[in-house]
Amino acid sequence: MNAPTDEKLLQQYLNGRAAGFELLVRRHTQELYRFAMRFTGDSVAAEDVVQETFLQVHNSAGDFDPARRLKPWLFTIAANKARDYLRKLGRRREVPFDAYVGNEDEAGQRFIDLLSGDDVLPDEDLLLEEKRGLVKSLTEAMPTRLSEVLILAYYHRFSYKEIAEIVGIPLGTVKSRLHAAIVHFGQRYREAVAEHAKDEE
C-alpha cells in the first residue's frame, strides 16, 4: 500500500484525524530543520523556526489550496519565519558551502565543488580549515536574496518554479538570482584565494 501524500495527510487532519498532522510533522521535521539551520546558522533558532512553521500549518490548514503541493508551502512558511528571525537579530545567516549537496547521508558533491566547473578555482594550496573559514566569511557577506535561492536549489533540490513560489518572486528572477549568486560567490572566492597566494609568497 502506497503511503498517503502530504496533501492527503493534511486533508485527513482537516477531517478530524490528528494522526495525519503527526505524520506530516515526522515526515518533514528533519529537512525543515536542516533548511532553517543553514538559513539562520543557529540550532536553537532552527528548532524555533520548525516549531513555528508547524504551528502556522496547524492554524492555516484550512486555507491551503489542495490543488497545490504541500512541501513548497511548508518551505515558504519556514523561509518567512527564518527571515523574521534574522531581521529581529539584525544578523546574517551562515551557509556551509563546504557541506554536501542533496542527501547528507550520501557521499555526494559539495556545493563549493559545483562552483569550479570548467573554471577551476585555485584552492589546492588552502588547508581544509582555512577553506572553511574563508567560505564562512564570504557567505556571511552574501546578500540573503542570493543565498536563499542557493539553499533551496542545491540543498533541497526544489525546481525553479517551486523556488519562485517559496520566495515569492517571478520564475525568471529565480534563474537570474541563482546565476548571480554563483558568480558572486565564485568571484569573491577567487579574489580571496589569490590574495592568500600573494601573502604566502
C-alpha atoms as a PDB file:
ATOM      1  CA  MET A   1       0.000   0.000   0.000  1.00  0.00           C
ATOM      2  CA  ASN A   2       1.380   3.384  -1.014  1.00  0.00           C
ATOM      3  CA  ALA A   3       1.999   5.968   1.686  1.00  0.00           C
ATOM      4  CA  PRO A   4      -0.506   8.837   1.639  1.00  0.00           C
ATOM      5  CA  THR A   5       0.649  12.061   0.027  1.00  0.00           C
ATOM      6  CA  ASP A   6       1.287  15.179   2.082  1.00  0.00           C
ATOM      7  CA  GLU A   7      -1.855  16.696   0.659  1.00  0.00           C
ATOM      8  CA  LYS A   8      -3.966  13.690   1.700  1.00  0.00           C
ATOM      9  CA  LEU A   9      -2.495  13.780   5.198  1.00  0.00           C
ATOM     10  CA  LEU A  10      -3.440  17.431   5.572  1.00  0.00           C
ATOM     11  CA  GLN A  11      -6.939  16.650   4.371  1.00  0.00           C
ATOM     12  CA  GLN A  12      -7.174  13.818   6.891  1.00  0.00           C
ATOM     13  CA  TYR A  13      -6.179  16.275   9.593  1.00  0.00           C
ATOM     14  CA  LEU A  14      -8.843  18.733   8.444  1.00  0.00           C
ATOM     15  CA  ASN A  15     -11.335  15.871   8.619  1.00  0.00           C
ATOM     16  CA  GLY A  16     -10.512  15.329  12.289  1.00  0.00           C
ATOM     17  CA  ARG A  17      -7.757  12.710  12.138  1.00  0.00           C
ATOM     18  CA  ALA A  18      -4.882  14.082  14.222  1.00  0.00           C
ATOM     19  CA  ALA A  19      -2.608  11.266  13.064  1.00  0.00           C
ATOM     20  CA  GLY A  20      -2.431  12.918   9.635  1.00  0.00           C
ATOM     21  CA  PHE A  21      -0.799  16.021  11.078  1.00  0.00           C
ATOM     22  CA  GLU A  22       1.527  13.958  13.276  1.00  0.00           C
ATOM     23  CA  LEU A  23       2.775  12.046  10.245  1.00  0.00           C
ATOM     24  CA  LEU A  24       3.355  15.299   8.358  1.00  0.00           C
ATOM     25  CA  VAL A  25       5.458  16.568  11.253  1.00  0.00           C
ATOM     26  CA  ARG A  26       7.526  13.364  11.377  1.00  0.00           C
ATOM     27  CA  ARG A  27       7.939  13.339   7.608  1.00  0.00           C
ATOM     28  CA  HIS A  28       9.244  16.896   7.224  1.00  0.00           C
ATOM     29  CA  THR A  29      10.815  17.956  10.539  1.00  0.00           C
ATOM     30  CA  GLN A  30      14.363  16.847   9.727  1.00  0.00           C
ATOM     31  CA  GLU A  31      14.573  18.525   6.317  1.00  0.00           C
ATOM     32  CA  LEU A  32      12.926  21.710   7.567  1.00  0.00           C
ATOM     33  CA  TYR A  33      15.390  21.782  10.453  1.00  0.00           C
ATOM     34  CA  ARG A  34      18.372  21.455   8.093  1.00  0.00           C
ATOM     35  CA  PHE A  35      16.950  24.224   5.918  1.00  0.00           C
ATOM     36  CA  ALA A  36      16.404  26.528   8.906  1.00  0.00           C
ATOM     37  CA  MET A  37      19.847  25.716  10.301  1.00  0.00           C
ATOM     38  CA  ARG A  38      21.515  26.650   7.017  1.00  0.00           C
ATOM     39  CA  PHE A  39      19.456  29.817   6.811  1.00  0.00           C
ATOM     40  CA  THR A  40      19.997  31.043  10.373  1.00  0.00           C
ATOM     41  CA  GLY A  41      23.257  29.362  11.383  1.00  0.00           C
ATOM     42  CA  ASP A  42      21.756  28.764  14.827  1.00  0.00           C
ATOM     43  CA  SER A  43      20.473  25.394  16.067  1.00  0.00           C
ATOM     44  CA  VAL A  44      18.112  26.871  18.672  1.00  0.00           C
ATOM     45  CA  ALA A  45      16.677  29.294  16.121  1.00  0.00           C
ATOM     46  CA  ALA A  46      16.281  26.439  13.640  1.00  0.00           C
ATOM     47  CA  GLU A  47      14.251  24.453  16.172  1.00  0.00           C
ATOM     48  CA  ASP A  48      12.070  27.502  16.807  1.00  0.00           C
ATOM     49  CA  VAL A  49      11.554  28.026  13.070  1.00  0.00           C
ATOM     50  CA  VAL A  50      10.399  24.425  12.647  1.00  0.00           C
ATOM     51  CA  GLN A  51       8.016  24.650  15.595  1.00  0.00           C
ATOM     52  CA  GLU A  52       6.583  27.969  14.386  1.00  0.00           C
ATOM     53  CA  THR A  53       6.222  26.567  10.877  1.00  0.00           C
ATOM     54  CA  PHE A  54       4.113  23.635  12.008  1.00  0.00           C
ATOM     55  CA  LEU A  55       2.132  25.875  14.339  1.00  0.00           C
ATOM     56  CA  GLN A  56       1.221  28.064  11.369  1.00  0.00           C
ATOM     57  CA  VAL A  57       0.364  24.973   9.302  1.00  0.00           C
ATOM     58  CA  HIS A  58      -1.949  23.903  12.124  1.00  0.00           C
ATOM     59  CA  ASN A  59      -3.572  27.339  12.262  1.00  0.00           C
ATOM     60  CA  SER A  60      -3.801  27.859   8.499  1.00  0.00           C
ATOM     61  CA  ALA A  61      -4.518  24.317   7.297  1.00  0.00           C
ATOM     62  CA  GLY A  62      -7.989  25.276   6.136  1.00  0.00           C
ATOM     63  CA  ASP A  63      -6.580  27.978   3.864  1.00  0.00           C
ATOM     64  CA  PHE A  64      -4.298  25.607   1.944  1.00  0.00           C
ATOM     65  CA  ASP A  65      -5.212  25.047  -1.703  1.00  0.00           C
ATOM     66  CA  PRO A  66      -5.423  21.231  -2.120  1.00  0.00           C
ATOM     67  CA  ALA A  67      -4.609  21.597  -5.823  1.00  0.00           C
ATOM     68  CA  ARG A  68      -1.067  22.671  -4.866  1.00  0.00           C
ATOM     69  CA  ARG A  69       1.816  20.668  -3.453  1.00  0.00           C
ATOM     70  CA  LEU A  70       2.220  20.962   0.310  1.00  0.00           C
ATOM     71  CA  LYS A  71       6.016  20.857   0.557  1.00  0.00           C
ATOM     72  CA  PRO A  72       6.702  24.221  -1.152  1.00  0.00           C
ATOM     73  CA  TRP A  73       4.080  25.753   1.148  1.00  0.00           C
ATOM     74  CA  LEU A  74       5.912  24.377   4.199  1.00  0.00           C
ATOM     75  CA  PHE A  75       9.186  25.861   2.970  1.00  0.00           C
ATOM     76  CA  THR A  76       7.524  29.188   2.196  1.00  0.00           C
ATOM     77  CA  ILE A  77       6.399  29.408   5.815  1.00  0.00           C
ATOM     78  CA  ALA A  78       9.794  28.277   7.138  1.00  0.00           C
ATOM     79  CA  ALA A  79      11.656  30.792   4.951  1.00  0.00           C
ATOM     80  CA  ASN A  80       9.432  33.606   6.220  1.00  0.00           C
ATOM     81  CA  LYS A  81       9.976  32.542   9.836  1.00  0.00           C
ATOM     82  CA  ALA A  82      13.754  32.372   9.293  1.00  0.00           C
ATOM     83  CA  ARG A  83      13.778  35.823   7.677  1.00  0.00           C
ATOM     84  CA  ASP A  84      11.804  37.202  10.631  1.00  0.00           C
ATOM     85  CA  TYR A  85      14.388  35.729  12.999  1.00  0.00           C
ATOM     86  CA  LEU A  86      17.287  37.297  11.094  1.00  0.00           C
ATOM     87  CA  ARG A  87      15.568  40.671  10.946  1.00  0.00           C
ATOM     88  CA  LYS A  88      14.951  40.653  14.690  1.00  0.00           C
ATOM     89  CA  LEU A  89      18.530  39.689  15.380  1.00  0.00           C
ATOM     90  CA  GLY A  90      19.989  42.058  12.806  1.00  0.00           C
ATOM     91  CA  ARG A  91      22.435  39.441  11.595  1.00  0.00           C
ATOM     92  CA  ARG A  92      23.168  37.374   8.527  1.00  0.00           C
ATOM     93  CA  ARG A  93      22.993  33.607   8.443  1.00  0.00           C
ATOM     94  CA  GLU A  94      25.906  31.342   7.687  1.00  0.00           C
ATOM     95  CA  VAL A  95      25.535  28.805   4.889  1.00  0.00           C
ATOM     96  CA  PRO A  96      28.043  25.921   4.958  1.00  0.00           C
ATOM     97  CA  PHE A  97      29.042  25.747   1.305  1.00  0.00           C
ATOM     98  CA  ASP A  98      31.535  23.015   2.152  1.00  0.00           C
ATOM     99  CA  ALA A  99      28.621  20.742   3.072  1.00  0.00           C
ATOM    100  CA  TYR A 100      27.450  18.070   0.694  1.00  0.00           C
ATOM    101  CA  VAL A 101      24.748  18.771  -1.850  1.00  0.00           C
ATOM    102  CA  GLY A 102      21.499  16.832  -1.580  1.00  0.00           C
ATOM    103  CA  ASN A 103      21.046  13.994   0.859  1.00  0.00           C
ATOM    104  CA  GLU A 104      23.596  14.439   3.624  1.00  0.00           C
ATOM    105  CA  ASP A 105      23.592  10.680   4.264  1.00  0.00           C
ATOM    106  CA  GLU A 106      25.035  10.053   0.809  1.00  0.00           C
ATOM    107  CA  ALA A 107      28.565  10.773  -0.338  1.00  0.00           C
ATOM    108  CA  GLY A 108      27.727  13.469  -2.867  1.00  0.00           C
ATOM    109  CA  GLN A 109      29.349  16.557  -4.317  1.00  0.00           C
ATOM    110  CA  ARG A 110      29.965  19.664  -2.252  1.00  0.00           C
ATOM    111  CA  PHE A 111      28.478  22.981  -3.324  1.00  0.00           C
ATOM    112  CA  ILE A 112      31.910  24.552  -3.357  1.00  0.00           C
ATOM    113  CA  ASP A 113      32.926  21.934  -5.943  1.00  0.00           C
ATOM    114  CA  LEU A 114      29.980  22.922  -8.124  1.00  0.00           C
ATOM    115  CA  LEU A 115      31.406  26.426  -8.382  1.00  0.00           C
ATOM    116  CA  SER A 116      34.504  25.131 -10.108  1.00  0.00           C
ATOM    117  CA  GLY A 117      33.084  23.761 -13.344  1.00  0.00           C
ATOM    118  CA  ASP A 118      35.474  24.400 -16.207  1.00  0.00           C
ATOM    119  CA  ASP A 119      36.912  27.399 -14.408  1.00  0.00           C
ATOM    120  CA  VAL A 120      38.854  25.610 -11.684  1.00  0.00           C
ATOM    121  CA  LEU A 121      39.275  27.620  -8.522  1.00  0.00           C
ATOM    122  CA  PRO A 122      42.915  27.822  -7.387  1.00  0.00           C
ATOM    123  CA  ASP A 123      42.230  26.405  -3.950  1.00  0.00           C
ATOM    124  CA  GLU A 124      44.575  23.414  -3.919  1.00  0.00           C
ATOM    125  CA  ASP A 125      47.049  25.063  -1.560  1.00  0.00           C
ATOM    126  CA  LEU A 126      44.463  26.002   1.053  1.00  0.00           C
ATOM    127  CA  LEU A 127      44.117  23.769   4.067  1.00  0.00           C
ATOM    128  CA  LEU A 128      40.611  22.495   4.746  1.00  0.00           C
ATOM    129  CA  GLU A 129      40.162  24.583   7.890  1.00  0.00           C
ATOM    130  CA  GLU A 130      41.337  27.716   6.108  1.00  0.00           C
ATOM    131  CA  LYS A 131      38.922  26.990   3.295  1.00  0.00           C
ATOM    132  CA  ARG A 132      36.040  26.562   5.701  1.00  0.00           C
ATOM    133  CA  GLY A 133      36.863  29.834   7.393  1.00  0.00           C
ATOM    134  CA  LEU A 134      37.060  31.598   4.047  1.00  0.00           C
ATOM    135  CA  VAL A 135      33.758  30.118   2.860  1.00  0.00           C
ATOM    136  CA  LYS A 136      32.107  31.126   6.111  1.00  0.00           C
ATOM    137  CA  SER A 137      33.275  34.739   5.898  1.00  0.00           C
ATOM    138  CA  LEU A 138      32.247  35.057   2.257  1.00  0.00           C
ATOM    139  CA  THR A 139      28.797  33.615   2.808  1.00  0.00           C
ATOM    140  CA  GLU A 140      28.212  35.892   5.788  1.00  0.00           C
ATOM    141  CA  ALA A 141      28.680  38.804   3.395  1.00  0.00           C
ATOM    142  CA  MET A 142      26.434  37.356   0.680  1.00  0.00           C
ATOM    143  CA  PRO A 143      23.024  39.059   0.410  1.00  0.00           C
ATOM    144  CA  THR A 144      20.141  36.968   1.731  1.00  0.00           C
ATOM    145  CA  ARG A 145      18.261  37.268  -1.567  1.00  0.00           C
ATOM    146  CA  LEU A 146      21.097  35.386  -3.277  1.00  0.00           C
ATOM    147  CA  SER A 147      21.917  32.768  -0.684  1.00  0.00           C
ATOM    148  CA  GLU A 148      18.324  31.685  -0.065  1.00  0.00           C
ATOM    149  CA  VAL A 149      17.890  30.570  -3.676  1.00  0.00           C
ATOM    150  CA  LEU A 150      21.155  28.629  -3.428  1.00  0.00           C
ATOM    151  CA  ILE A 151      19.976  26.812  -0.324  1.00  0.00           C
ATOM    152  CA  LEU A 152      16.659  25.871  -1.921  1.00  0.00           C
ATOM    153  CA  ALA A 153      18.174  24.838  -5.248  1.00  0.00           C
ATOM    154  CA  TYR A 154      21.309  22.964  -4.233  1.00  0.00           C
ATOM    155  CA  TYR A 155      20.485  21.559  -0.818  1.00  0.00           C
ATOM    156  CA  HIS A 156      16.774  20.902  -1.128  1.00  0.00           C
ATOM    157  CA  ARG A 157      16.567  20.360  -4.875  1.00  0.00           C
ATOM    158  CA  PHE A 158      13.484  22.474  -5.456  1.00  0.00           C
ATOM    159  CA  SER A 159      12.660  23.323  -9.056  1.00  0.00           C
ATOM    160  CA  TYR A 160      12.860  26.903 -10.281  1.00  0.00           C
ATOM    161  CA  LYS A 161       9.068  27.056 -10.230  1.00  0.00           C
ATOM    162  CA  GLU A 162       8.903  25.867  -6.615  1.00  0.00           C
ATOM    163  CA  ILE A 163      11.627  28.309  -5.529  1.00  0.00           C
ATOM    164  CA  ALA A 164       9.654  31.112  -7.167  1.00  0.00           C
ATOM    165  CA  GLU A 165       6.634  30.064  -5.117  1.00  0.00           C
ATOM    166  CA  ILE A 166       8.577  29.746  -1.862  1.00  0.00           C
ATOM    167  CA  VAL A 167      10.481  33.034  -2.144  1.00  0.00           C
ATOM    168  CA  GLY A 168       7.621  34.899  -3.804  1.00  0.00           C
ATOM    169  CA  ILE A 169       9.451  36.089  -6.914  1.00  0.00           C
ATOM    170  CA  PRO A 170       8.959  35.515 -10.681  1.00  0.00           C
ATOM    171  CA  LEU A 171      10.464  32.422 -12.315  1.00  0.00           C
ATOM    172  CA  GLY A 172      12.888  34.492 -14.375  1.00  0.00           C
ATOM    173  CA  THR A 173      14.118  36.227 -11.239  1.00  0.00           C
ATOM    174  CA  VAL A 174      14.896  32.867  -9.617  1.00  0.00           C
ATOM    175  CA  LYS A 175      17.110  31.907 -12.548  1.00  0.00           C
ATOM    176  CA  SER A 176      18.905  35.244 -12.634  1.00  0.00           C
ATOM    177  CA  ARG A 177      19.429  35.275  -8.850  1.00  0.00           C
ATOM    178  CA  LEU A 178      20.823  31.754  -8.837  1.00  0.00           C
ATOM    179  CA  HIS A 179      23.250  32.642 -11.600  1.00  0.00           C
ATOM    180  CA  ALA A 180      24.175  35.890  -9.828  1.00  0.00           C
ATOM    181  CA  ALA A 181      24.733  34.029  -6.556  1.00  0.00           C
ATOM    182  CA  ILE A 182      27.149  31.563  -8.122  1.00  0.00           C
ATOM    183  CA  VAL A 183      29.025  34.319  -9.953  1.00  0.00           C
ATOM    184  CA  HIS A 184      29.109  36.477  -6.794  1.00  0.00           C
ATOM    185  CA  PHE A 185      30.484  33.720  -4.606  1.00  0.00           C
ATOM    186  CA  GLY A 186      32.912  32.462  -7.245  1.00  0.00           C
ATOM    187  CA  GLN A 187      34.405  35.900  -7.837  1.00  0.00           C
ATOM    188  CA  ARG A 188      34.835  36.625  -4.124  1.00  0.00           C
ATOM    189  CA  TYR A 189      36.317  33.193  -3.558  1.00  0.00           C
ATOM    190  CA  ARG A 190      38.878  33.539  -6.355  1.00  0.00           C
ATOM    191  CA  GLU A 191      39.858  37.015  -5.147  1.00  0.00           C
ATOM    192  CA  ALA A 192      40.364  35.740  -1.612  1.00  0.00           C
ATOM    193  CA  VAL A 193      42.408  32.751  -2.769  1.00  0.00           C
ATOM    194  CA  ALA A 194      44.570  34.972  -4.970  1.00  0.00           C
ATOM    195  CA  GLU A 195      45.171  37.299  -2.026  1.00  0.00           C
ATOM    196  CA  HIS A 196      46.102  34.329   0.118  1.00  0.00           C
ATOM    197  CA  ALA A 197      48.593  33.171  -2.503  1.00  0.00           C
ATOM    198  CA  LYS A 198      50.210  36.627  -2.525  1.00  0.00           C
ATOM    199  CA  ASP A 199      50.598  36.573   1.220  1.00  0.00           C
ATOM    200  CA  GLU A 200      52.337  33.207   1.002  1.00  0.00           C
ATOM    201  CA  GLU A 201      54.965  34.484  -1.450  1.00  0.00           C
END
